[in-house]
C-alpha atoms as a PDB file:
ATOM      1  CA  MET A   1      28.758  -0.011  16.677  1.00  0.00           C
ATOM      2  CA  SER A   2      27.635   1.758  13.502  1.00  0.00           C
ATOM      3  CA  TYR A   3      24.553   0.691  11.220  1.00  0.00           C
ATOM      4  CA  ILE A   4      26.538   0.056   8.106  1.00  0.00           C
ATOM      5  CA  ARG A   5      28.635  -2.265  10.285  1.00  0.00           C
ATOM      6  CA  LEU A   6      25.544  -3.841  11.618  1.00  0.00           C
ATOM      7  CA  LEU A   7      24.046  -3.926   7.978  1.00  0.00           C
ATOM      8  CA  VAL A   8      27.457  -6.287   6.923  1.00  0.00           C
ATOM      9  CA  ILE A   9      26.842  -8.340  10.089  1.00  0.00           C
ATOM     10  CA  TYR A  10      23.362  -9.232   9.552  1.00  0.00           C
ATOM     11  CA  PHE A  11      24.060 -10.177   5.682  1.00  0.00           C
ATOM     12  CA  MET A  12      26.910 -11.752   6.604  1.00  0.00           C
ATOM     13  CA  LYS A  13      26.023 -13.651   9.834  1.00  0.00           C
ATOM     14  CA  GLY A  14      22.429 -13.181  10.613  1.00  0.00           C
ATOM     15  CA  ASP A  15      23.138 -13.655  14.353  1.00  0.00           C
ATOM     16  CA  ILE A  16      20.865 -12.328  17.140  1.00  0.00           C
ATOM     17  CA  GLN A  17      21.991  -8.841  17.001  1.00  0.00           C
ATOM     18  CA  SER A  18      21.960  -8.208  13.679  1.00  0.00           C
ATOM     19  CA  LEU A  19      18.146  -9.473  13.953  1.00  0.00           C
ATOM     20  CA  ARG A  20      17.413  -7.038  16.732  1.00  0.00           C
ATOM     21  CA  PHE A  21      18.988  -4.231  14.492  1.00  0.00           C
ATOM     22  CA  SER A  22      16.873  -5.466  11.510  1.00  0.00           C
ATOM     23  CA  ARG A  23      13.708  -5.331  13.391  1.00  0.00           C
ATOM     24  CA  ARG A  24      14.192  -1.852  14.697  1.00  0.00           C
ATOM     25  CA  LEU A  25      15.143  -0.867  11.393  1.00  0.00           C
ATOM     26  CA  TRP A  26      11.898  -2.470   9.906  1.00  0.00           C
ATOM     27  CA  LEU A  27      10.028  -0.734  12.507  1.00  0.00           C
ATOM     28  CA  THR A  28      11.631   2.870  12.162  1.00  0.00           C
ATOM     29  CA  ILE A  29      10.816   2.455   8.454  1.00  0.00           C
ATOM     30  CA  SER A  30       7.051   1.523   9.272  1.00  0.00           C
ATOM     31  CA  ILE A  31       6.422   4.590  11.963  1.00  0.00           C
ATOM     32  CA  ILE A  32       8.237   6.967   9.547  1.00  0.00           C
ATOM     33  CA  SER A  33       6.184   5.822   6.468  1.00  0.00           C
ATOM     34  CA  GLY A  34       3.135   5.849   8.563  1.00  0.00           C
ATOM     35  CA  ILE A  35       3.681   9.206  10.012  1.00  0.00           C
ATOM     36  CA  VAL A  36       4.258  10.716   6.647  1.00  0.00           C
ATOM     37  CA  ALA A  37       1.326   9.134   5.211  1.00  0.00           C
ATOM     38  CA  ILE A  38      -0.809  10.585   8.077  1.00  0.00           C
ATOM     39  CA  LEU A  39       1.037  14.006   7.536  1.00  0.00           C
ATOM     40  CA  ILE A  40       0.127  14.088   3.914  1.00  0.00           C
ATOM     41  CA  THR A  41      -3.514  13.486   4.527  1.00  0.00           C
ATOM     42  CA  SER A  42      -3.962  15.953   7.362  1.00  0.00           C
ATOM     43  CA  TYR A  43      -2.088  18.252   5.289  1.00  0.00           C
ATOM     44  CA  TYR A  44      -4.369  18.170   2.420  1.00  0.00           C
ATOM     45  CA  LEU A  45      -7.777  17.437   4.382  1.00  0.00           C
ATOM     46  CA  LEU A  46      -6.943  20.807   5.907  1.00  0.00           C
ATOM     47  CA  LYS A  47      -5.596  22.842   2.979  1.00  0.00           C
ATOM     48  CA  TYR A  48      -8.853  21.883   0.977  1.00  0.00           C
ATOM     49  CA  PRO A  49     -11.617  21.458   3.499  1.00  0.00           C
ATOM     50  CA  ASN A  50     -14.427  22.182   1.350  1.00  0.00           C
ATOM     51  CA  PHE A  51     -14.900  19.893  -1.794  1.00  0.00           C
ATOM     52  CA  GLU A  52     -17.513  18.599  -4.114  1.00  0.00           C
ATOM     53  CA  ILE A  53     -15.845  15.714  -5.671  1.00  0.00           C
ATOM     54  CA  TYR A  54     -14.633  13.110  -2.762  1.00  0.00           C
ATOM     55  CA  GLY A  55     -11.152  12.612  -3.306  1.00  0.00           C
ATOM     56  CA  GLU A  56     -10.183  15.936  -5.323  1.00  0.00           C
ATOM     57  CA  GLN A  57      -8.301  17.522  -2.562  1.00  0.00           C
ATOM     58  CA  PHE A  58      -5.524  14.596  -2.808  1.00  0.00           C
ATOM     59  CA  ILE A  59      -5.079  15.132  -6.953  1.00  0.00           C
ATOM     60  CA  MET A  60      -5.544  19.101  -7.162  1.00  0.00           C
ATOM     61  CA  ASP A  61      -2.083  19.527  -6.225  1.00  0.00           C
ATOM     62  CA  GLU A  62       1.735  18.465  -7.960  1.00  0.00           C
ATOM     63  CA  TRP A  63       4.682  18.044  -6.511  1.00  0.00           C
ATOM     64  CA  ALA A  64       7.432  17.736  -8.893  1.00  0.00           C
ATOM     65  CA  PRO A  65      11.132  17.264  -6.993  1.00  0.00           C
ATOM     66  CA  PHE A  66      12.669  16.963 -10.593  1.00  0.00           C
ATOM     67  CA  LYS A  67      11.677  18.441 -14.159  1.00  0.00           C
ATOM     68  CA  PHE A  68      10.452  15.036 -15.263  1.00  0.00           C
ATOM     69  CA  LEU A  69       9.400  13.274 -12.445  1.00  0.00           C
ATOM     70  CA  GLN A  70       5.836  14.499 -10.737  1.00  0.00           C
ATOM     71  CA  PHE A  71       3.511  13.176  -7.762  1.00  0.00           C
ATOM     72  CA  LYS A  72       0.153  13.915  -6.765  1.00  0.00           C
ATOM     73  CA  PRO A  73      -0.603  13.921  -3.053  1.00  0.00           C
ATOM     74  CA  ILE A  74      -2.675  10.503  -3.515  1.00  0.00           C
ATOM     75  CA  THR A  75       0.328   8.694  -5.247  1.00  0.00           C
ATOM     76  CA  LEU A  76       2.962   9.777  -2.289  1.00  0.00           C
ATOM     77  CA  MET A  77       0.259   8.513   0.156  1.00  0.00           C
ATOM     78  CA  PHE A  78       0.005   5.320  -1.683  1.00  0.00           C
ATOM     79  CA  PHE A  79       3.670   4.644  -1.643  1.00  0.00           C
ATOM     80  CA  PHE A  80       4.075   5.636   2.022  1.00  0.00           C
ATOM     81  CA  ILE A  81       1.109   3.375   3.148  1.00  0.00           C
ATOM     82  CA  PHE A  82       2.442   0.679   1.113  1.00  0.00           C
ATOM     83  CA  ILE A  83       6.028   0.908   2.703  1.00  0.00           C
ATOM     84  CA  TRP A  84       4.422   1.276   6.019  1.00  0.00           C
ATOM     85  CA  TRP A  85       2.422  -2.027   5.506  1.00  0.00           C
ATOM     86  CA  GLY A  86       5.262  -4.013   4.192  1.00  0.00           C
ATOM     87  CA  SER A  87       7.840  -3.017   6.611  1.00  0.00           C
ATOM     88  CA  PHE A  88       5.277  -3.673   9.471  1.00  0.00           C
ATOM     89  CA  LEU A  89       4.681  -7.145   8.149  1.00  0.00           C
ATOM     90  CA  GLN A  90       8.740  -7.485   7.990  1.00  0.00           C
ATOM     91  CA  PHE A  91       8.672  -5.907  11.832  1.00  0.00           C
ATOM     92  CA  ILE A  92       6.096  -8.753  12.769  1.00  0.00           C
ATOM     93  CA  LYS A  93       7.633 -11.840  11.378  1.00  0.00           C
ATOM     94  CA  PRO A  94       9.281 -13.395  14.243  1.00  0.00           C
ATOM     95  CA  LYS A  95       5.897 -13.026  16.028  1.00  0.00           C
ATOM     96  CA  LEU A  96       4.117 -14.283  12.820  1.00  0.00           C
ATOM     97  CA  MET A  97       6.209 -17.196  12.891  1.00  0.00           C
ATOM     98  CA  GLY A  98       4.291 -18.747  15.654  1.00  0.00           C
ATOM     99  CA  ILE A  99       0.901 -18.625  14.560  1.00  0.00           C
ATOM    100  CA  ASN A 100      -1.045 -21.579  13.693  1.00  0.00           C
ATOM    101  CA  ARG A 101      -0.978 -22.556   9.895  1.00  0.00           C
ATOM    102  CA  ASN A 102      -4.673 -22.491   9.857  1.00  0.00           C
ATOM    103  CA  TRP A 103      -4.839 -19.070  10.658  1.00  0.00           C
ATOM    104  CA  ILE A 104      -2.464 -18.365   8.055  1.00  0.00           C
ATOM    105  CA  ASN A 105      -4.594 -20.008   5.257  1.00  0.00           C
ATOM    106  CA  PHE A 106      -7.609 -18.478   6.399  1.00  0.00           C
ATOM    107  CA  THR A 107      -6.125 -14.996   6.177  1.00  0.00           C
ATOM    108  CA  ILE A 108      -4.781 -16.110   2.682  1.00  0.00           C
ATOM    109  CA  ILE A 109      -8.480 -16.749   1.373  1.00  0.00           C
ATOM    110  CA  ILE A 110      -9.541 -13.491   2.778  1.00  0.00           C
ATOM    111  CA  LEU A 111      -6.867 -11.796   1.155  1.00  0.00           C
ATOM    112  CA  PHE A 112      -7.742 -13.351  -2.145  1.00  0.00           C
ATOM    113  CA  LEU A 113     -11.159 -12.274  -1.756  1.00  0.00           C
ATOM    114  CA  ILE A 114      -9.814  -8.518  -1.484  1.00  0.00           C
ATOM    115  CA  PHE A 115      -7.361  -9.304  -4.119  1.00  0.00           C
ATOM    116  CA  PHE A 116      -9.928 -10.296  -6.900  1.00  0.00           C
ATOM    117  CA  THR A 117     -12.613  -7.834  -5.644  1.00  0.00           C
ATOM    118  CA  SER A 118      -9.641  -5.004  -6.105  1.00  0.00           C
ATOM    119  CA  LEU A 119      -9.126  -6.533  -9.436  1.00  0.00           C
ATOM    120  CA  TYR A 120     -12.450  -6.199 -10.565  1.00  0.00           C
ATOM    121  CA  GLU A 121     -12.839  -2.739  -9.515  1.00  0.00           C
ATOM    122  CA  LEU A 122      -9.570  -1.751 -11.049  1.00  0.00           C
ATOM    123  CA  PHE A 123     -11.009  -2.936 -14.423  1.00  0.00           C
ATOM    124  CA  PHE A 124     -14.298  -1.034 -13.461  1.00  0.00           C
ATOM    125  CA  ASN A 125     -12.484   2.163 -12.677  1.00  0.00           C
ATOM    126  CA  PHE A 126     -10.505   2.191 -16.161  1.00  0.00           C
ATOM    127  CA  THR A 127     -13.237   1.058 -18.161  1.00  0.00           C
ATOM    128  CA  LEU A 128     -15.412   3.670 -16.967  1.00  0.00           C
ATOM    129  CA  TRP A 129     -12.076   6.407 -17.131  1.00  0.00           C
ATOM    130  CA  GLY A 130     -11.629   5.544 -20.738  1.00  0.00           C
ATOM    131  CA  ALA A 131     -15.481   5.673 -21.704  1.00  0.00           C
ATOM    132  CA  LEU A 132     -15.883   9.126 -19.689  1.00  0.00           C
ATOM    133  CA  MET A 133     -12.952  10.388 -21.661  1.00  0.00           C
ATOM    134  CA  THR A 134     -14.102   9.157 -24.961  1.00  0.00           C
ATOM    135  CA  ILE A 135     -17.693  10.658 -24.733  1.00  0.00           C
ATOM    136  CA  SER A 136     -16.608  13.921 -23.213  1.00  0.00           C
ATOM    137  CA  ASN A 137     -13.611  14.750 -24.949  1.00  0.00           C
ATOM    138  CA  VAL A 138     -11.602  15.501 -21.829  1.00  0.00           C
ATOM    139  CA  THR A 139      -7.821  15.184 -22.004  1.00  0.00           C
ATOM    140  CA  ASP A 140      -7.054  15.730 -17.993  1.00  0.00           C
ATOM    141  CA  PRO A 141      -8.183  12.359 -16.348  1.00  0.00           C
ATOM    142  CA  ASP A 142      -7.854  14.349 -13.290  1.00  0.00           C
ATOM    143  CA  ILE A 143     -11.285  16.128 -13.830  1.00  0.00           C
ATOM    144  CA  LEU A 144     -13.403  12.792 -14.329  1.00  0.00           C
ATOM    145  CA  TYR A 145     -15.475  11.563 -11.309  1.00  0.00           C
ATOM    146  CA  ASN A 146     -18.036   8.990 -10.768  1.00  0.00           C
ATOM    147  CA  ARG A 147     -21.557   9.624  -9.254  1.00  0.00           C
ATOM    148  CA  PHE A 148     -22.568   6.090  -8.997  1.00  0.00           C
ATOM    149  CA  PRO A 149     -23.864   4.516  -6.559  1.00  0.00           C
ATOM    150  CA  ASN A 150     -24.490   7.915  -4.863  1.00  0.00           C
ATOM    151  CA  PRO A 151     -25.065  11.009  -7.083  1.00  0.00           C
ATOM    152  CA  SER A 152     -24.891  13.085  -4.156  1.00  0.00           C
ATOM    153  CA  THR A 153     -21.090  12.111  -3.242  1.00  0.00           C
ATOM    154  CA  PRO A 154     -19.268  11.942  -6.984  1.00  0.00           C
ATOM    155  CA  VAL A 155     -15.834  10.340  -6.581  1.00  0.00           C
ATOM    156  CA  SER A 156     -12.775  11.385  -8.259  1.00  0.00           C
ATOM    157  CA  LEU A 157     -11.887   8.532 -10.465  1.00  0.00           C
ATOM    158  CA  VAL A 158      -8.014   9.233 -10.197  1.00  0.00           C
ATOM    159  CA  TYR A 159      -8.272   9.224  -6.512  1.00  0.00           C
ATOM    160  CA  ALA A 160     -10.645   6.135  -6.451  1.00  0.00           C
ATOM    161  CA  THR A 161      -8.271   3.800  -9.004  1.00  0.00           C
ATOM    162  CA  LYS A 162      -4.955   4.654  -6.620  1.00  0.00           C
ATOM    163  CA  ILE A 163      -6.920   3.600  -3.495  1.00  0.00           C
ATOM    164  CA  ILE A 164      -7.863   0.543  -5.560  1.00  0.00           C
ATOM    165  CA  ILE A 165      -4.317   0.100  -6.511  1.00  0.00           C
ATOM    166  CA  LEU A 166      -3.151   0.098  -2.950  1.00  0.00           C
ATOM    167  CA  LEU A 167      -5.627  -2.435  -1.755  1.00  0.00           C
ATOM    168  CA  PHE A 168      -4.963  -4.360  -4.909  1.00  0.00           C
ATOM    169  CA  SER A 169      -0.935  -4.304  -3.926  1.00  0.00           C
ATOM    170  CA  ILE A 170      -1.128  -4.767  -0.251  1.00  0.00           C
ATOM    171  CA  SER A 171      -3.344  -7.749  -0.786  1.00  0.00           C
ATOM    172  CA  ALA A 172      -0.779  -9.252  -3.263  1.00  0.00           C
ATOM    173  CA  TYR A 173       1.976  -8.611  -1.263  1.00  0.00           C
ATOM    174  CA  SER A 174       0.144  -9.822   2.095  1.00  0.00           C
ATOM    175  CA  ILE A 175      -0.655 -13.230   0.025  1.00  0.00           C
ATOM    176  CA  TYR A 176       3.055 -13.523  -0.971  1.00  0.00           C
ATOM    177  CA  TYR A 177       4.186 -12.544   2.331  1.00  0.00           C
ATOM    178  CA  LEU A 178       1.973 -15.234   4.397  1.00  0.00           C
ATOM    179  CA  HIS A 179       2.857 -17.819   1.648  1.00  0.00           C
ATOM    180  CA  THR A 180       6.536 -17.591   2.079  1.00  0.00           C
ATOM    181  CA  LEU A 181       5.986 -17.641   5.722  1.00  0.00           C
ATOM    182  CA  ASP A 182       3.746 -20.349   5.734  1.00  0.00           C
ATOM    183  CA  ASN A 183       6.312 -22.067   3.711  1.00  0.00           C
ATOM    184  CA  GLY A 184       8.636 -21.311   6.605  1.00  0.00           C
ATOM    185  CA  ILE A 185       6.701 -22.551   9.003  1.00  0.00           C
ATOM    186  CA  ARG A 186       6.110 -25.770   7.478  1.00  0.00           C
ATOM    187  CA  GLY A 187       9.789 -26.121   6.554  1.00  0.00           C
ATOM    188  CA  ARG A 188      10.848 -25.555  10.176  1.00  0.00           C
ATOM    189  CA  LYS A 189       7.902 -27.974  11.595  1.00  0.00           C
ATOM    190  CA  TYR A 190       8.646 -30.683   9.015  1.00  0.00           C
ATOM    191  CA  GLY A 191      12.106 -30.319   7.804  1.00  0.00           C
ATOM    192  CA  GLY A 192      11.194 -29.493   4.654  1.00  0.00           C
ATOM    193  CA  LYS A 193       8.014 -28.998   2.291  1.00  0.00           C
END
């Protein structure tokens, strides 16, 4: 049976066979995205083994599939890690439906802590970025870095900001995901909200 036909069956009927296909599809997307993220990370760690500023090896190159579209390796890593996480959650959804609601609610609380901490860090990074660009008259934000809290290990602001945005995005999506999962469990258990 062709994948296209299975997709049609899945969206039209939602039967068991299409559910198995859907889980395989999510697992395949998750595995491929995870492998691509690992390969990009490994490639740039090997390409630039010696670095003075932490994270600069992930912002030194640009990949441009089209003239108007350019990516730094950290941006591609961001996309593939997020896709890996989101598709992995979709793959394990049937397993998560059996989890106690108290654990889901506890996980949501922890995710809110990560969400708000990363939101604070985003504000901090963008404020620092703007201040450094202003006082140094630098027009290329890629060369700016933060020496705090450890002056011997400065961190690229582009790298740090994208990692924090990744944590922010993953925690926000996970909160949304677990909330909808919890509503589904509640609706199944009690016949409604």
